[in-house]
Amino acid sequence: MPHNEERPEHFLAHGWMRVRAVFSANEAAAMREAVWRTLATVGISDRDPSSWTVERPGHLQNVRSDPVFRALGSARLLEAIDAALAGQAYATPKNWGSAFVAFPSTQAWNVPSDGWHIDANYLSALSPPDGIRIHALFGDVAPRAGGTLIVSGSHRLVHKYFADNPPPAGARGADYRKRLQRHAYIRDLHGAGAPSARVTRFLERIEEHDGIALQVVENHGMAGDVMLLHPLLLHVATSNAGHQPRFLLSGGIDLHSMWSTGARPETRVARAWEGPHYDRLGE
C-alpha cells in the first residue's frame, strides 16, 4: 500500500490510517510473553501447538492491565490520534485495549458474509469523529493470517445512508445494522458467493457508490504497527489461515459527544462503554 495511508488526509477520505513502528520489536515480544503467561494458566503453551485447539481463546480479560502494554501510548501514536481527532481534547486511556489471539484455523480463508459491524453510535459525527478505534499488532501478521478486515470508505457510507434514511425513534444498534444491509454494496457483502469471487470483488477491486470509493482492506503488518479506525468504519474478524498465532490489541477512545444522541450500540458492545476501559470491545 502507498505511504499516503499513513497521512491524516487518508484517514478523512478512507476512514483509516496506519502508524508504523509505534512500539519496538522487544516491546511487542514482552506483550506476547504476558499473553502466553496468562494462557499457560489454562493449559495453552507457546511451545505446544497441539494445545491451540480453541481458535480464539478467552481468559485474557486481565492481561490488559499488564504494564508492558503501556508502550502502545508512545508519542508517535499520540501524535497520530491528535491528527485523526483534528485536535479535539480527549482523555488518555488508563489501558489501551484488550488482547485477542487467533490461532491457526481449520477453516478456509474468505471474505466473511456475516459479522460486519461498527463499535460506535451509528449517528455519531463524520468529521471530526467522536472518537477513534485502535488496532495494534503485537506480532507480525501476514496476509490471510487473521488480520481484521475493514471496508475502506464505509464511514462515509454509513454516515450518508442514515442521513438519507433516518431510523425510527428508539432504534438500537442491531436495527441499524439490519437497515444498513439494504444498501446494495453492504447487501452483497453479506451475500453468498464463491470465495474466489468474493476475494476478487471485495478485496481486489474498488467500487464507487454515491461518490464513495469502497474496498475491503486487510490489517496485516509488522509487530508494532497500529491501524487507527474511524468509529463508523465497518470491520470484521477473519480466520487465521497462517501457521502462527495472530496477536491483536483492540481498544479506542470516545469523546463525550459519542453517546450524546441516537442509537446505543448492540448489547455486547454497549457494556464496553459503561466504564473507561474497552474490555468487551472486540476485533
Protein backbone atom coordinates (compact mmCIF):
# COMPACT_ATOMS: atom_id res chain seq x y z
CA MET A 1 0.00 0.00 0.00
CA PRO A 2 1.22 3.55 -0.69
CA HIS A 3 2.71 5.67 2.05
CA ASN A 4 -0.19 8.12 1.90
CA GLU A 5 -2.18 5.64 4.01
CA GLU A 6 -0.13 6.99 6.93
CA ARG A 7 -1.38 10.56 6.45
CA PRO A 8 -4.38 12.27 8.13
CA GLU A 9 -5.82 13.06 4.68
CA HIS A 10 -6.09 9.33 4.07
CA PHE A 11 -7.99 8.94 7.35
CA LEU A 12 -10.50 11.59 6.29
CA ALA A 13 -11.13 10.04 2.90
CA HIS A 14 -10.94 6.32 3.72
CA GLY A 15 -11.62 6.12 7.46
CA TRP A 16 -8.32 4.56 8.50
CA MET A 17 -4.62 5.21 8.69
CA ARG A 18 -1.56 3.14 9.55
CA VAL A 19 1.01 4.21 12.11
CA ARG A 20 4.17 2.18 11.66
CA ALA A 21 6.56 1.16 14.44
CA VAL A 22 4.57 2.65 17.32
CA PHE A 23 6.47 0.37 19.69
CA SER A 24 9.58 -1.75 19.29
CA ALA A 25 10.02 -5.44 18.47
CA ASN A 26 11.28 -6.03 22.01
CA GLU A 27 8.22 -4.32 23.50
CA ALA A 28 5.96 -6.42 21.26
CA ALA A 29 7.75 -9.57 22.42
CA ALA A 30 7.14 -8.59 26.05
CA MET A 31 3.42 -8.19 25.26
CA ARG A 32 3.28 -11.66 23.71
CA GLU A 33 5.05 -13.11 26.74
CA ALA A 34 2.41 -11.57 29.01
CA VAL A 35 -0.33 -13.21 26.94
CA TRP A 36 1.40 -16.60 26.92
CA ARG A 37 1.77 -16.46 30.72
CA THR A 38 -1.96 -15.95 31.03
CA LEU A 39 -2.80 -18.67 28.52
CA ALA A 40 -0.49 -21.07 30.34
CA THR A 41 -2.88 -20.99 33.30
CA VAL A 42 -5.47 -22.78 31.13
CA GLY A 43 -3.06 -25.22 29.54
CA ILE A 44 -2.20 -23.34 26.35
CA SER A 45 1.54 -23.27 25.62
CA ASP A 46 3.57 -21.35 23.06
CA ARG A 47 5.80 -24.43 22.72
CA ASP A 48 2.97 -26.89 22.10
CA PRO A 49 0.80 -26.17 19.03
CA SER A 50 -1.33 -29.18 19.92
CA SER A 51 -2.70 -27.05 22.79
CA TRP A 52 -4.01 -24.44 20.34
CA THR A 53 -7.36 -26.16 19.99
CA VAL A 54 -9.54 -23.09 20.57
CA GLU A 55 -9.04 -20.69 17.68
CA ARG A 56 -9.92 -17.59 19.71
CA PRO A 57 -9.23 -18.30 23.37
CA GLY A 58 -10.69 -16.25 26.18
CA HIS A 59 -9.21 -15.79 29.66
CA LEU A 60 -7.36 -12.63 28.57
CA GLN A 61 -9.51 -10.03 30.32
CA ASN A 62 -6.93 -9.17 32.96
CA VAL A 63 -3.82 -9.08 30.79
CA ARG A 64 -4.71 -5.58 29.54
CA SER A 65 -3.53 -4.12 32.86
CA ASP A 66 -0.02 -5.53 32.45
CA PRO A 67 2.45 -2.62 32.33
CA VAL A 68 4.04 -3.93 29.11
CA PHE A 69 1.08 -2.63 27.13
CA ARG A 70 1.79 0.96 28.17
CA ALA A 71 4.34 1.05 25.36
CA LEU A 72 1.44 1.49 22.95
CA GLY A 73 0.93 5.04 24.20
CA SER A 74 4.08 6.39 22.58
CA ALA A 75 4.49 9.94 21.34
CA ARG A 76 4.22 8.61 17.78
CA LEU A 77 0.74 7.17 18.41
CA LEU A 78 -0.48 10.19 20.37
CA GLU A 79 0.55 12.48 17.52
CA ALA A 80 -1.44 10.35 15.06
CA ILE A 81 -4.50 10.29 17.34
CA ASP A 82 -4.35 14.08 17.67
CA ALA A 83 -4.33 14.36 13.88
CA ALA A 84 -7.20 11.90 13.39
CA LEU A 85 -9.32 13.71 16.00
CA ALA A 86 -8.45 17.07 14.44
CA GLY A 87 -7.07 18.41 17.69
CA GLN A 88 -10.12 17.62 19.84
CA ALA A 89 -9.32 17.10 23.51
CA TYR A 90 -9.55 13.56 24.86
CA ALA A 91 -8.62 11.59 27.95
CA THR A 92 -5.70 9.21 27.53
CA PRO A 93 -6.93 5.67 28.30
CA LYS A 94 -5.82 4.00 31.51
CA ASN A 95 -5.49 0.81 29.46
CA TRP A 96 -5.03 0.77 25.70
CA GLY A 97 -7.33 -2.14 24.96
CA SER A 98 -7.90 -5.87 25.22
CA ALA A 99 -5.70 -8.60 23.80
CA PHE A 100 -7.07 -11.03 21.22
CA VAL A 101 -5.30 -14.14 19.96
CA ALA A 102 -6.29 -16.00 16.78
CA PHE A 103 -4.67 -19.41 16.43
CA PRO A 104 -4.30 -21.07 13.01
CA SER A 105 -7.71 -22.16 11.76
CA THR A 106 -9.02 -25.26 10.07
CA GLN A 107 -11.38 -23.06 8.06
CA ALA A 108 -10.53 -21.87 4.57
CA TRP A 109 -9.87 -18.14 4.40
CA ASN A 110 -12.64 -16.00 2.89
CA VAL A 111 -14.18 -12.54 2.98
CA PRO A 112 -16.85 -13.17 5.66
CA SER A 113 -20.51 -12.76 4.76
CA ASP A 114 -21.58 -12.03 8.33
CA GLY A 115 -20.24 -10.35 11.44
CA TRP A 116 -19.62 -6.94 9.84
CA HIS A 117 -20.21 -4.22 12.42
CA ILE A 118 -19.12 -0.92 13.89
CA ASP A 119 -18.31 -0.24 17.56
CA ALA A 120 -19.95 3.16 17.81
CA ASN A 121 -23.10 5.22 17.75
CA TYR A 122 -24.37 4.91 14.17
CA LEU A 123 -25.40 8.57 14.27
CA SER A 124 -22.09 9.91 15.55
CA ALA A 125 -20.15 12.60 13.72
CA LEU A 126 -18.32 12.05 10.46
CA SER A 127 -15.75 14.84 10.69
CA PRO A 128 -14.18 15.39 13.05
CA PRO A 129 -15.08 11.99 14.53
CA ASP A 130 -16.41 11.48 18.04
CA GLY A 131 -13.65 9.02 18.82
CA ILE A 132 -11.09 6.64 17.41
CA ARG A 133 -10.62 2.87 17.31
CA ILE A 134 -7.15 1.42 17.79
CA HIS A 135 -5.99 -1.95 16.41
CA ALA A 136 -2.39 -2.68 17.37
CA LEU A 137 -0.43 -5.68 16.10
CA PHE A 138 2.00 -7.07 18.67
CA GLY A 139 3.12 -9.90 16.43
CA ASP A 140 3.89 -9.99 12.72
CA VAL A 141 0.73 -10.70 10.70
CA ALA A 142 0.96 -12.00 7.15
CA PRO A 143 -1.87 -11.69 4.60
CA ARG A 144 -4.76 -14.05 5.35
CA ALA A 145 -3.31 -14.83 8.77
CA GLY A 146 -6.10 -13.44 10.96
CA GLY A 147 -5.83 -9.72 10.24
CA THR A 148 -9.08 -7.79 10.75
CA LEU A 149 -10.88 -6.81 7.54
CA ILE A 150 -12.28 -3.30 7.16
CA VAL A 151 -14.39 -1.67 4.46
CA SER A 152 -12.32 1.31 3.43
CA GLY A 153 -14.59 4.34 2.92
CA SER A 154 -17.53 2.80 4.79
CA HIS A 155 -17.51 5.53 7.46
CA ARG A 156 -18.79 7.92 4.79
CA LEU A 157 -21.30 5.39 3.51
CA VAL A 158 -22.72 4.76 7.00
CA HIS A 159 -22.99 8.46 7.74
CA LYS A 160 -24.67 9.26 4.41
CA TYR A 161 -27.01 6.28 4.48
CA PHE A 162 -28.55 7.18 7.84
CA ALA A 163 -28.65 10.87 6.98
CA ASP A 164 -30.70 9.93 3.89
CA ASN A 165 -32.65 7.16 5.65
CA PRO A 166 -33.29 8.23 9.25
CA PRO A 167 -34.17 5.30 11.51
CA PRO A 168 -37.29 5.32 13.71
CA ALA A 169 -37.09 6.62 17.24
CA GLY A 170 -35.81 4.04 19.68
CA ALA A 171 -33.83 2.04 17.12
CA ARG A 172 -30.90 0.10 18.56
CA GLY A 173 -27.58 -0.94 17.11
CA ALA A 174 -28.90 -4.27 15.79
CA ASP A 175 -31.71 -2.41 14.00
CA TYR A 176 -29.21 -0.06 12.36
CA ARG A 177 -27.08 -2.98 11.23
CA LYS A 178 -30.06 -4.67 9.56
CA ARG A 179 -31.19 -1.45 7.90
CA LEU A 180 -27.72 -0.81 6.55
CA GLN A 181 -27.90 -4.10 4.66
CA ARG A 182 -30.47 -2.50 2.37
CA HIS A 183 -27.60 -0.65 0.71
CA ALA A 184 -26.57 -2.55 -2.41
CA TYR A 185 -22.87 -2.92 -1.57
CA ILE A 186 -23.49 -3.90 2.06
CA ARG A 187 -26.24 -6.32 0.97
CA ASP A 188 -23.82 -8.04 -1.43
CA LEU A 189 -21.09 -8.08 1.21
CA HIS A 190 -23.48 -10.12 3.38
CA GLY A 191 -24.47 -12.38 0.49
CA ALA A 192 -23.33 -15.79 -0.68
CA GLY A 193 -20.70 -16.43 -3.30
CA ALA A 194 -17.65 -18.48 -4.13
CA PRO A 195 -14.64 -17.48 -2.01
CA SER A 196 -12.53 -16.64 -5.06
CA ALA A 197 -15.27 -14.43 -6.49
CA ARG A 198 -15.71 -12.60 -3.17
CA VAL A 199 -11.97 -12.02 -2.86
CA THR A 200 -11.82 -10.68 -6.42
CA ARG A 201 -14.73 -8.33 -5.99
CA PHE A 202 -14.30 -7.01 -2.48
CA LEU A 203 -10.57 -7.29 -1.76
CA GLU A 204 -9.04 -6.69 -5.19
CA ARG A 205 -11.41 -4.10 -6.63
CA ILE A 206 -12.53 -0.61 -5.69
CA GLU A 207 -16.23 0.15 -6.23
CA GLU A 208 -17.72 3.61 -6.19
CA HIS A 209 -21.16 4.15 -4.67
CA ASP A 210 -22.63 7.64 -4.33
CA GLY A 211 -19.17 9.06 -4.95
CA ILE A 212 -17.61 6.96 -2.18
CA ALA A 213 -14.77 4.56 -3.02
CA LEU A 214 -15.27 1.25 -1.19
CA GLN A 215 -12.84 -1.63 -0.84
CA VAL A 216 -12.18 -4.35 1.72
CA VAL A 217 -8.70 -3.93 3.22
CA GLU A 218 -6.82 -6.38 5.45
CA ASN A 219 -4.92 -5.28 8.55
CA HIS A 220 -1.62 -7.10 8.24
CA GLY A 221 1.85 -5.84 9.01
CA MET A 222 4.74 -5.94 11.46
CA ALA A 223 4.68 -6.11 15.23
CA GLY A 224 4.41 -2.53 16.49
CA ASP A 225 2.18 -1.35 13.64
CA VAL A 226 -1.14 0.27 14.57
CA MET A 227 -4.22 0.92 12.48
CA LEU A 228 -6.45 3.82 13.56
CA LEU A 229 -10.07 3.41 12.51
CA HIS A 230 -12.92 5.90 12.26
CA PRO A 231 -15.66 4.74 14.68
CA LEU A 232 -18.15 4.39 11.78
CA LEU A 233 -15.89 2.06 9.79
CA LEU A 234 -17.30 -1.42 9.16
CA HIS A 235 -14.97 -4.25 10.13
CA VAL A 236 -14.98 -7.98 10.86
CA ALA A 237 -12.75 -10.69 12.34
CA THR A 238 -11.39 -13.34 9.98
CA SER A 239 -9.95 -16.82 10.27
CA ASN A 240 -6.20 -17.30 10.55
CA ALA A 241 -5.01 -19.31 7.54
CA GLY A 242 -1.38 -18.85 8.57
CA HIS A 243 0.85 -21.03 10.71
CA GLN A 244 1.46 -18.76 13.71
CA PRO A 245 -0.86 -17.12 16.27
CA ARG A 246 -2.06 -13.63 15.48
CA PHE A 247 -1.78 -11.10 18.34
CA LEU A 248 -4.01 -8.00 18.38
CA LEU A 249 -4.70 -5.29 20.94
CA SER A 250 -8.09 -3.68 20.29
CA GLY A 251 -9.24 -0.54 22.06
CA GLY A 252 -10.26 3.02 21.47
CA ILE A 253 -11.07 6.49 22.70
CA ASP A 254 -14.51 8.08 22.84
CA LEU A 255 -15.33 11.74 23.27
CA HIS A 256 -18.34 12.66 25.41
CA SER A 257 -20.20 13.54 22.21
CA MET A 258 -20.18 9.91 21.01
CA TRP A 259 -23.25 8.92 23.00
CA SER A 260 -24.99 12.28 23.29
CA THR A 261 -27.61 11.34 20.68
CA GLY A 262 -29.03 8.49 18.63
CA ALA A 263 -28.63 4.75 18.89
CA ARG A 264 -26.88 2.78 21.53
CA PRO A 265 -24.60 0.05 20.22
CA GLU A 266 -25.55 -3.61 20.35
CA THR A 267 -25.71 -5.07 23.84
CA ARG A 268 -22.37 -6.85 23.74
CA VAL A 269 -20.69 -3.58 22.77
CA ALA A 270 -22.79 -1.32 24.99
CA ARG A 271 -21.33 -2.87 28.11
CA ALA A 272 -17.89 -1.86 26.96
CA TRP A 273 -18.81 1.81 27.12
CA GLU A 274 -20.06 1.81 30.71
CA GLY A 275 -16.55 2.47 32.02
CA PRO A 276 -13.31 3.94 30.75
CA HIS A 277 -12.00 0.59 29.54
CA TYR A 278 -12.64 -1.44 26.41
CA ASP A 279 -12.76 -4.87 27.98
CA ARG A 280 -15.59 -6.08 25.74
CA LEU A 281 -14.66 -4.24 22.58
CA GLY A 282 -13.97 -6.96 20.04
CA GLU A 283 -11.80 -7.29 16.99
